[in-house]
Amino acid sequence: MKQALKISDKRYWLKIVALNFFGWVFIYADRTVLNPIMPEIQKVFGLSNVALGMISSVFFLTYTVSQIPFARLADRGHEKWLIGLGCVFFGGMTIVSGLATSFGWFLVLRALVGLGEGTFYGASFGLSSQNIPSKYLTVGLAFINSGQAIGQITGTIISSYVVLQHHMHWSIPFIIVGMPTIIVGILYITVIHHTHRLSEEQVSTSQAKAVDKKAQTIDVLFTRQLLGTYFMLFASIYGQITMLTWLPLFLTNYRHVSGSNVAWIASIVPFIAVPSALIFARVNDKITNTRRLLLILVPISSLSLVMGVISHSHVVLVLSLIVYGMTGKMTIDPMLLYTVKKHAPNNQLATTFGVYNFFGMIASILAPTIMGFLMDLTGSMVIGFYFSAILLLIGIAMLSLTMPKTEM
């Protein structure tokens, strides 16, 4: 286990939080910039719905398989270079993917973007959870995670404004998002220390704990509690990816929403998710009963997915999206991260986060293609949203069974 080091700069953890926040902003901007222009890309390359879903699936395939190898490198003290160079790489590939002239090359470039983004998760949350003081842990993780919502809003609005409203070429949004991503990578290399740096409060705790031999085995990555958390993440990400990937198309083709209105309606979820995640994170830090909070939030989230698609009222649709934003993946994710941190071995923290995200990202690989298949099979998008809602209920049931009432 690496030697924990004190640092004189007591605000160092705030720098880590800020840069990881912006890392998520541009990771999610890169992902969601694609969604509003999917009909345009489908028309340009002459794609079926299944082929259209493959764009996201190949991205998440490389992103997923790279999680554990990069996380293990992070546990050896390479966070700075992994994240910094990763941002530079996927920012560059984002720019180039917008210039692709064939569907085959576009898929290859999106796969490379996914590989670059795979450097981020385990390293960023491993470093963050070691440095954020425990009394601010869930809130700090929630603030970092809120970058996902801001990025989702940014990518959706840029793409909708540039292509749908002003009819510019579909490559322009990729260039707009890729350039600042490279800048974030350079800042990470220049600001963040490449070795593990723990806050003073965590240094004493870490030094007081001997490294158990069991902590060096793979068994600790798959404890009962962690497995329940992994599946809950799988279910929540499946629902989120279904929402991110297909909501703009659902609004356009099934609710006949056009132009910039697609961006604003699709942005309701992340707008609401940011304050909601911070509020519930603070509540969790106060009461430390994650299980109880999740048992309330997840069923409501599942119901909101169903209500939003079965009703033909725009008012009900908007209200359902507001409720999903308050209770969905972005809101519960800090609590799941808190649970992982609580049960992960200190010497394999980034690896545990990598495994956690690996299982969650399997849903990201499956969701777009399954949704496209169900659309081609049934001629409707509604069944895909039903499936997402059912998965959420299964996920919270499994998490509840693996987390005893007295434990959380």
Protein backbone atom coordinates (compact mmCIF):
# COMPACT_ATOMS: atom_id res chain seq x y z
CA MET A 1 0.00 0.00 0.00
CA LYS A 2 1.30 3.44 -0.92
CA GLN A 3 2.50 5.69 1.85
CA ALA A 4 -0.16 8.25 2.71
CA LEU A 5 1.19 11.77 2.64
CA LYS A 6 0.07 14.88 4.41
CA ILE A 7 -0.22 18.02 2.41
CA SER A 8 0.23 21.56 3.61
CA ASP A 9 -2.46 22.95 1.31
CA LYS A 10 -5.70 22.26 3.19
CA ARG A 11 -7.68 23.39 0.15
CA TYR A 12 -6.10 20.80 -2.10
CA TRP A 13 -9.23 18.65 -1.94
CA LEU A 14 -11.26 21.58 -3.31
CA LYS A 15 -8.97 21.73 -6.35
CA ILE A 16 -9.52 18.01 -6.92
CA VAL A 17 -13.29 18.43 -6.59
CA ALA A 18 -13.32 21.38 -9.02
CA LEU A 19 -11.25 19.69 -11.74
CA ASN A 20 -13.17 16.43 -11.43
CA PHE A 21 -16.38 18.44 -11.73
CA PHE A 22 -15.21 19.96 -15.03
CA GLY A 23 -13.99 16.56 -16.17
CA TRP A 24 -17.54 15.23 -15.84
CA VAL A 25 -18.95 18.33 -17.54
CA PHE A 26 -17.07 17.61 -20.75
CA ILE A 27 -17.40 13.83 -20.56
CA TYR A 28 -21.18 14.18 -20.49
CA ALA A 29 -21.21 17.03 -22.99
CA ASP A 30 -19.34 14.73 -25.37
CA ARG A 31 -21.91 11.96 -24.82
CA THR A 32 -25.06 14.06 -25.08
CA VAL A 33 -23.94 16.27 -27.95
CA LEU A 34 -24.75 13.27 -30.14
CA ASN A 35 -28.33 12.70 -29.02
CA PRO A 36 -30.28 15.63 -30.57
CA ILE A 37 -28.59 15.11 -33.94
CA MET A 38 -29.15 11.35 -34.10
CA PRO A 39 -31.90 11.77 -36.73
CA GLU A 40 -29.48 13.83 -38.85
CA ILE A 41 -26.71 11.22 -38.54
CA GLN A 42 -29.24 8.48 -39.28
CA LYS A 43 -30.24 10.28 -42.47
CA VAL A 44 -26.67 11.09 -43.58
CA PHE A 45 -25.40 7.52 -43.18
CA GLY A 46 -28.71 5.73 -43.96
CA LEU A 47 -28.92 3.82 -40.67
CA SER A 48 -31.52 1.52 -39.14
CA ASN A 49 -32.56 2.04 -35.51
CA VAL A 50 -30.31 -0.84 -34.43
CA ALA A 51 -27.31 0.68 -36.26
CA LEU A 52 -28.12 4.04 -34.69
CA GLY A 53 -28.08 2.43 -31.25
CA MET A 54 -24.69 0.87 -32.04
CA ILE A 55 -23.07 4.32 -32.00
CA SER A 56 -23.57 4.56 -28.24
CA SER A 57 -22.98 0.85 -27.69
CA VAL A 58 -19.46 0.79 -29.24
CA PHE A 59 -18.56 3.89 -27.26
CA PHE A 60 -19.65 2.30 -23.99
CA LEU A 61 -18.02 -1.02 -24.90
CA THR A 62 -14.52 0.48 -24.98
CA TYR A 63 -15.34 2.74 -22.04
CA THR A 64 -16.43 -0.27 -19.99
CA VAL A 65 -13.62 -2.73 -20.77
CA SER A 66 -11.03 -0.07 -19.95
CA GLN A 67 -12.44 0.65 -16.47
CA ILE A 68 -10.63 -1.98 -14.40
CA PRO A 69 -7.18 -1.82 -16.11
CA PHE A 70 -7.06 1.98 -15.80
CA ALA A 71 -8.37 1.84 -12.22
CA ARG A 72 -5.60 -0.57 -11.23
CA LEU A 73 -3.05 1.86 -12.68
CA ALA A 74 -4.66 4.61 -10.61
CA ASP A 75 -4.17 2.56 -7.43
CA ARG A 76 -0.44 2.61 -8.22
CA GLY A 77 -0.39 6.41 -8.06
CA HIS A 78 -0.87 7.39 -11.72
CA GLU A 79 -4.12 9.38 -11.35
CA LYS A 80 -2.69 12.66 -12.61
CA TRP A 81 -1.39 11.28 -15.89
CA LEU A 82 -4.31 8.93 -16.47
CA ILE A 83 -6.92 11.65 -16.18
CA GLY A 84 -4.90 14.46 -17.77
CA LEU A 85 -3.72 12.55 -20.84
CA GLY A 86 -7.08 10.77 -21.05
CA CYS A 87 -8.91 14.12 -21.34
CA VAL A 88 -6.47 15.35 -23.99
CA PHE A 89 -6.91 12.12 -25.96
CA PHE A 90 -10.70 11.86 -25.88
CA GLY A 91 -11.04 15.60 -26.51
CA GLY A 92 -8.97 15.20 -29.66
CA MET A 93 -10.92 12.12 -30.77
CA THR A 94 -14.19 13.98 -30.18
CA ILE A 95 -13.08 16.68 -32.61
CA VAL A 96 -11.95 14.14 -35.20
CA SER A 97 -15.13 12.04 -34.88
CA GLY A 98 -17.13 15.04 -36.05
CA LEU A 99 -15.10 15.00 -39.26
CA ALA A 100 -15.78 11.33 -40.13
CA THR A 101 -16.98 10.76 -43.70
CA SER A 102 -18.23 7.18 -43.29
CA PHE A 103 -20.23 5.34 -40.66
CA GLY A 104 -17.44 2.81 -40.13
CA TRP A 105 -14.89 5.49 -39.30
CA PHE A 106 -17.39 7.28 -37.10
CA LEU A 107 -17.87 4.08 -35.05
CA VAL A 108 -14.09 3.58 -34.73
CA LEU A 109 -13.55 7.15 -33.56
CA ARG A 110 -16.41 6.98 -31.05
CA ALA A 111 -14.85 3.77 -29.72
CA LEU A 112 -11.56 5.65 -29.22
CA VAL A 113 -13.41 8.44 -27.41
CA GLY A 114 -14.84 5.80 -25.05
CA LEU A 115 -11.35 4.42 -24.44
CA GLY A 116 -10.06 7.88 -23.50
CA GLU A 117 -12.96 8.53 -21.14
CA GLY A 118 -12.30 5.17 -19.48
CA THR A 119 -9.29 6.69 -17.71
CA PHE A 120 -11.44 8.99 -15.61
CA TYR A 121 -13.88 7.20 -13.31
CA GLY A 122 -11.80 5.02 -10.99
CA ALA A 123 -8.92 7.49 -10.78
CA SER A 124 -11.10 10.54 -10.13
CA PHE A 125 -13.36 9.02 -7.48
CA GLY A 126 -10.49 7.15 -5.85
CA LEU A 127 -8.49 10.36 -5.50
CA SER A 128 -11.54 12.40 -4.48
CA SER A 129 -12.81 10.00 -1.82
CA GLN A 130 -9.35 9.87 -0.25
CA ASN A 131 -9.03 13.64 -0.03
CA ILE A 132 -12.53 14.92 0.77
CA PRO A 133 -13.03 15.19 4.56
CA SER A 134 -15.50 12.55 5.76
CA LYS A 135 -18.02 15.12 7.02
CA TYR A 136 -18.30 16.49 3.46
CA LEU A 137 -17.83 13.20 1.60
CA THR A 138 -21.30 12.65 0.10
CA VAL A 139 -21.74 16.36 -0.66
CA GLY A 140 -18.31 16.53 -2.27
CA LEU A 141 -19.05 13.50 -4.42
CA ALA A 142 -22.45 14.97 -5.29
CA PHE A 143 -20.82 18.22 -6.42
CA ILE A 144 -18.41 16.30 -8.64
CA ASN A 145 -21.31 14.27 -10.00
CA SER A 146 -23.29 17.43 -10.72
CA GLY A 147 -20.81 18.01 -13.53
CA GLN A 148 -22.60 15.16 -15.30
CA ALA A 149 -25.85 17.11 -15.24
CA ILE A 150 -24.21 20.35 -16.35
CA GLY A 151 -22.48 18.46 -19.15
CA GLN A 152 -25.73 16.85 -20.21
CA ILE A 153 -27.37 20.27 -20.41
CA THR A 154 -24.39 21.78 -22.22
CA GLY A 155 -24.08 19.05 -24.84
CA THR A 156 -27.81 18.91 -25.53
CA ILE A 157 -28.20 22.68 -25.87
CA ILE A 158 -25.09 23.12 -28.04
CA SER A 159 -26.14 20.39 -30.43
CA SER A 160 -29.78 21.48 -30.61
CA TYR A 161 -28.93 25.16 -31.03
CA VAL A 162 -26.21 24.68 -33.65
CA VAL A 163 -27.77 21.91 -35.76
CA LEU A 164 -31.52 21.79 -35.13
CA GLN A 165 -32.14 25.51 -34.82
CA HIS A 166 -29.45 27.06 -37.04
CA HIS A 167 -29.02 24.10 -39.43
CA MET A 168 -25.23 24.06 -39.28
CA HIS A 169 -23.24 20.91 -40.10
CA TRP A 170 -23.54 18.11 -37.52
CA SER A 171 -19.75 18.07 -37.00
CA ILE A 172 -19.63 21.55 -35.40
CA PRO A 173 -20.91 20.52 -31.92
CA PHE A 174 -18.18 17.87 -31.65
CA ILE A 175 -15.51 20.49 -32.32
CA ILE A 176 -17.04 22.92 -29.81
CA VAL A 177 -17.04 20.28 -27.05
CA GLY A 178 -13.65 18.73 -27.86
CA MET A 179 -11.52 21.86 -27.56
CA PRO A 180 -12.21 22.77 -23.88
CA THR A 181 -11.88 19.08 -22.96
CA ILE A 182 -8.23 19.23 -24.01
CA ILE A 183 -7.75 22.33 -21.82
CA VAL A 184 -9.17 20.48 -18.78
CA GLY A 185 -6.66 17.67 -19.37
CA ILE A 186 -3.75 20.11 -19.43
CA LEU A 187 -4.99 21.77 -16.23
CA TYR A 188 -5.21 18.39 -14.50
CA ILE A 189 -1.58 17.64 -15.34
CA THR A 190 -0.38 21.02 -14.07
CA VAL A 191 -2.50 21.32 -10.90
CA ILE A 192 -2.97 17.81 -9.46
CA HIS A 193 -0.22 15.86 -7.67
CA HIS A 194 0.42 12.48 -9.27
CA THR A 195 0.79 10.66 -5.92
CA HIS A 196 -2.01 9.89 -3.47
CA ARG A 197 -2.62 12.81 -1.15
CA LEU A 198 -4.94 12.30 1.80
CA SER A 199 -6.51 14.93 3.99
CA GLU A 200 -5.13 15.21 7.51
CA GLU A 201 -8.24 13.57 8.94
CA GLN A 202 -7.94 10.59 6.60
CA VAL A 203 -4.16 10.21 6.97
CA SER A 204 -4.44 9.28 10.65
CA THR A 205 -7.23 6.81 9.88
CA SER A 206 -5.33 5.23 7.01
CA GLN A 207 -2.10 4.89 8.96
CA ALA A 208 -3.94 3.31 11.88
CA LYS A 209 -5.25 0.45 9.73
CA ALA A 210 -3.06 -2.54 8.92
CA VAL A 211 -3.47 -4.02 5.48
CA ASP A 212 -5.31 -7.32 5.90
CA LYS A 213 -4.11 -10.14 3.67
CA LYS A 214 -7.68 -10.62 2.54
CA ALA A 215 -7.64 -7.06 1.17
CA GLN A 216 -5.11 -8.18 -1.41
CA THR A 217 -7.49 -10.74 -2.93
CA ILE A 218 -10.25 -10.29 -5.46
CA ASP A 219 -12.88 -11.42 -2.93
CA VAL A 220 -13.12 -7.98 -1.33
CA LEU A 221 -14.27 -6.50 -4.63
CA PHE A 222 -17.34 -8.75 -4.65
CA THR A 223 -18.73 -8.70 -1.14
CA ARG A 224 -22.46 -9.04 -0.61
CA GLN A 225 -22.87 -5.32 0.00
CA LEU A 226 -20.83 -4.29 -3.04
CA LEU A 227 -22.66 -6.71 -5.36
CA GLY A 228 -26.00 -5.19 -4.37
CA THR A 229 -24.59 -1.72 -5.04
CA TYR A 230 -23.20 -2.82 -8.42
CA PHE A 231 -26.60 -4.07 -9.57
CA MET A 232 -28.37 -0.95 -8.34
CA LEU A 233 -25.94 1.12 -10.40
CA PHE A 234 -26.59 -1.16 -13.40
CA ALA A 235 -30.34 -0.52 -13.15
CA SER A 236 -30.03 3.23 -12.61
CA ILE A 237 -27.58 3.69 -15.49
CA TYR A 238 -29.77 1.61 -17.80
CA GLY A 239 -32.63 4.00 -17.11
CA GLN A 240 -30.42 7.06 -17.48
CA ILE A 241 -28.89 5.93 -20.79
CA THR A 242 -32.34 5.11 -22.14
CA MET A 243 -33.40 8.62 -21.17
CA LEU A 244 -30.26 10.37 -22.49
CA THR A 245 -30.09 8.49 -25.78
CA TRP A 246 -33.72 8.24 -26.79
CA LEU A 247 -35.60 11.09 -25.09
CA PRO A 248 -34.77 13.67 -27.83
CA LEU A 249 -35.97 11.21 -30.49
CA PHE A 250 -39.08 10.41 -28.41
CA LEU A 251 -39.89 14.11 -28.11
CA THR A 252 -39.39 14.68 -31.83
CA ASN A 253 -41.18 11.65 -33.26
CA TYR A 254 -43.82 10.84 -30.62
CA ARG A 255 -44.59 14.19 -28.99
CA HIS A 256 -43.83 16.31 -32.09
CA VAL A 257 -41.59 18.74 -30.22
CA SER A 258 -39.27 20.63 -32.56
CA GLY A 259 -36.15 22.79 -32.60
CA SER A 260 -34.71 24.26 -29.42
CA ASN A 261 -37.72 23.04 -27.40
CA VAL A 262 -36.26 19.53 -27.58
CA ALA A 263 -33.13 20.76 -25.82
CA TRP A 264 -35.00 22.59 -23.09
CA ILE A 265 -37.38 19.73 -22.30
CA ALA A 266 -34.56 17.16 -22.38
CA SER A 267 -32.57 19.41 -20.03
CA ILE A 268 -35.24 19.38 -17.31
CA VAL A 269 -33.78 16.23 -15.74
CA PRO A 270 -30.21 17.53 -15.25
CA PHE A 271 -31.44 20.99 -14.19
CA ILE A 272 -33.46 19.42 -11.38
CA ALA A 273 -30.87 16.73 -10.58
CA VAL A 274 -28.13 19.16 -9.52
CA PRO A 275 -29.87 20.75 -6.49
CA SER A 276 -31.67 17.50 -5.68
CA ALA A 277 -28.42 15.52 -5.55
CA LEU A 278 -26.76 18.12 -3.32
CA ILE A 279 -29.74 18.23 -0.94
CA PHE A 280 -30.07 14.46 -0.57
CA ALA A 281 -26.29 14.11 -0.29
CA ARG A 282 -26.29 16.51 2.65
CA VAL A 283 -29.19 14.60 4.20
CA ASN A 284 -27.22 11.37 3.81
CA ASP A 285 -24.15 12.90 5.49
CA LYS A 286 -26.40 13.91 8.39
CA ILE A 287 -28.44 10.74 8.93
CA THR A 288 -26.06 8.16 7.35
CA ASN A 289 -28.97 5.90 6.41
CA THR A 290 -28.45 5.40 2.69
CA ARG A 291 -30.68 2.34 2.51
CA ARG A 292 -33.74 4.20 3.77
CA LEU A 293 -33.24 7.10 1.36
CA LEU A 294 -32.84 4.79 -1.63
CA LEU A 295 -35.96 2.80 -0.70
CA ILE A 296 -37.90 6.06 -1.00
CA LEU A 297 -36.25 7.55 -4.09
CA VAL A 298 -35.87 4.60 -6.47
CA PRO A 299 -39.54 3.45 -6.63
CA ILE A 300 -40.61 7.05 -7.26
CA SER A 301 -38.03 7.26 -10.05
CA SER A 302 -39.40 4.06 -11.62
CA LEU A 303 -42.96 5.37 -11.54
CA SER A 304 -41.95 8.67 -13.15
CA LEU A 305 -40.42 6.83 -16.13
CA VAL A 306 -43.71 5.06 -16.79
CA MET A 307 -45.94 8.10 -16.30
CA GLY A 308 -43.87 10.23 -18.66
CA VAL A 309 -44.35 7.93 -21.65
CA ILE A 310 -47.91 6.67 -21.18
CA SER A 311 -49.44 10.13 -20.93
CA HIS A 312 -49.96 12.25 -24.04
CA SER A 313 -50.15 15.42 -21.98
CA HIS A 314 -47.11 17.68 -22.22
CA VAL A 315 -47.79 18.85 -18.66
CA VAL A 316 -47.63 15.29 -17.30
CA LEU A 317 -44.48 14.66 -19.36
CA VAL A 318 -42.75 17.70 -17.90
CA LEU A 319 -43.84 16.84 -14.34
CA SER A 320 -42.59 13.27 -14.80
CA LEU A 321 -39.20 14.54 -15.98
CA ILE A 322 -39.01 16.85 -12.96
CA VAL A 323 -39.72 13.92 -10.62
CA TYR A 324 -37.19 11.73 -12.42
CA GLY A 325 -34.61 14.50 -12.07
CA MET A 326 -35.28 14.64 -8.32
CA THR A 327 -35.05 10.87 -7.80
CA GLY A 328 -33.09 9.37 -10.72
CA LYS A 329 -29.54 8.21 -11.31
CA MET A 330 -27.79 11.55 -10.79
CA THR A 331 -29.47 11.99 -7.42
CA ILE A 332 -28.83 8.51 -6.03
CA ASP A 333 -25.32 8.13 -7.46
CA PRO A 334 -23.51 10.02 -4.64
CA MET A 335 -25.21 7.72 -2.12
CA LEU A 336 -24.09 4.65 -4.05
CA LEU A 337 -20.54 6.06 -4.23
CA TYR A 338 -20.68 6.64 -0.47
CA THR A 339 -21.65 2.98 -0.02
CA VAL A 340 -18.77 1.80 -2.22
CA LYS A 341 -16.28 3.96 -0.30
CA LYS A 342 -17.55 2.52 2.98
CA HIS A 343 -17.06 -1.10 1.90
CA ALA A 344 -14.00 -0.81 -0.39
CA PRO A 345 -10.50 -1.79 0.83
CA ASN A 346 -8.25 1.27 1.18
CA ASN A 347 -5.47 -0.21 -0.94
CA GLN A 348 -7.86 -1.03 -3.81
CA LEU A 349 -10.11 2.00 -3.70
CA ALA A 350 -9.77 3.09 -7.34
CA THR A 351 -10.03 -0.53 -8.48
CA THR A 352 -13.26 -0.98 -6.52
CA PHE A 353 -14.70 2.15 -8.11
CA GLY A 354 -13.55 0.81 -11.47
CA VAL A 355 -15.32 -2.52 -10.91
CA TYR A 356 -18.41 -0.64 -9.70
CA ASN A 357 -18.47 1.48 -12.84
CA PHE A 358 -17.67 -1.55 -15.02
CA PHE A 359 -20.88 -3.27 -13.96
CA GLY A 360 -22.83 -0.06 -14.35
CA MET A 361 -21.44 0.55 -17.81
CA ILE A 362 -22.55 -2.87 -19.02
CA ALA A 363 -26.01 -1.29 -18.92
CA SER A 364 -24.72 1.53 -21.11
CA ILE A 365 -23.60 -0.99 -23.71
CA LEU A 366 -26.88 -2.87 -23.67
CA ALA A 367 -29.43 -0.05 -23.29
CA PRO A 368 -29.12 1.73 -26.68
CA THR A 369 -29.11 -1.45 -28.75
CA ILE A 370 -31.89 -3.12 -26.73
CA MET A 371 -34.01 0.01 -27.10
CA GLY A 372 -33.36 0.08 -30.85
CA PHE A 373 -34.25 -3.63 -31.10
CA LEU A 374 -37.49 -3.15 -29.15
CA MET A 375 -38.39 -0.20 -31.38
CA ASP A 376 -37.83 -2.21 -34.55
CA LEU A 377 -39.74 -5.16 -33.05
CA THR A 378 -42.77 -3.30 -31.68
CA GLY A 379 -42.74 -0.04 -33.63
CA SER A 380 -42.87 1.90 -30.34
CA MET A 381 -40.41 3.35 -27.83
CA VAL A 382 -42.77 2.94 -24.86
CA ILE A 383 -41.87 -0.70 -24.10
CA GLY A 384 -38.22 0.29 -23.71
CA PHE A 385 -39.07 2.80 -20.98
CA TYR A 386 -41.24 0.18 -19.24
CA PHE A 387 -38.28 -2.19 -19.19
CA SER A 388 -36.09 0.52 -17.62
CA ALA A 389 -38.67 1.10 -14.88
CA ILE A 390 -38.87 -2.62 -14.04
CA LEU A 391 -35.07 -2.86 -13.80
CA LEU A 392 -35.05 -0.05 -11.23
CA LEU A 393 -37.49 -1.95 -9.01
CA ILE A 394 -35.40 -5.13 -9.29
CA GLY A 395 -32.27 -3.13 -8.46
CA ILE A 396 -33.63 -1.57 -5.29
CA ALA A 397 -35.01 -4.94 -4.17
CA MET A 398 -31.57 -6.54 -4.51
CA LEU A 399 -29.83 -3.64 -2.78
CA SER A 400 -32.31 -3.77 0.09
CA LEU A 401 -31.68 -7.50 0.56
CA THR A 402 -27.90 -7.04 0.66
CA MET A 403 -27.96 -4.05 3.01
CA PRO A 404 -29.25 -4.91 6.50
CA LYS A 405 -31.36 -2.21 8.14
CA THR A 406 -28.87 -1.73 10.94
CA GLU A 407 -25.85 -1.45 8.66
CA MET A 408 -26.56 1.80 6.87
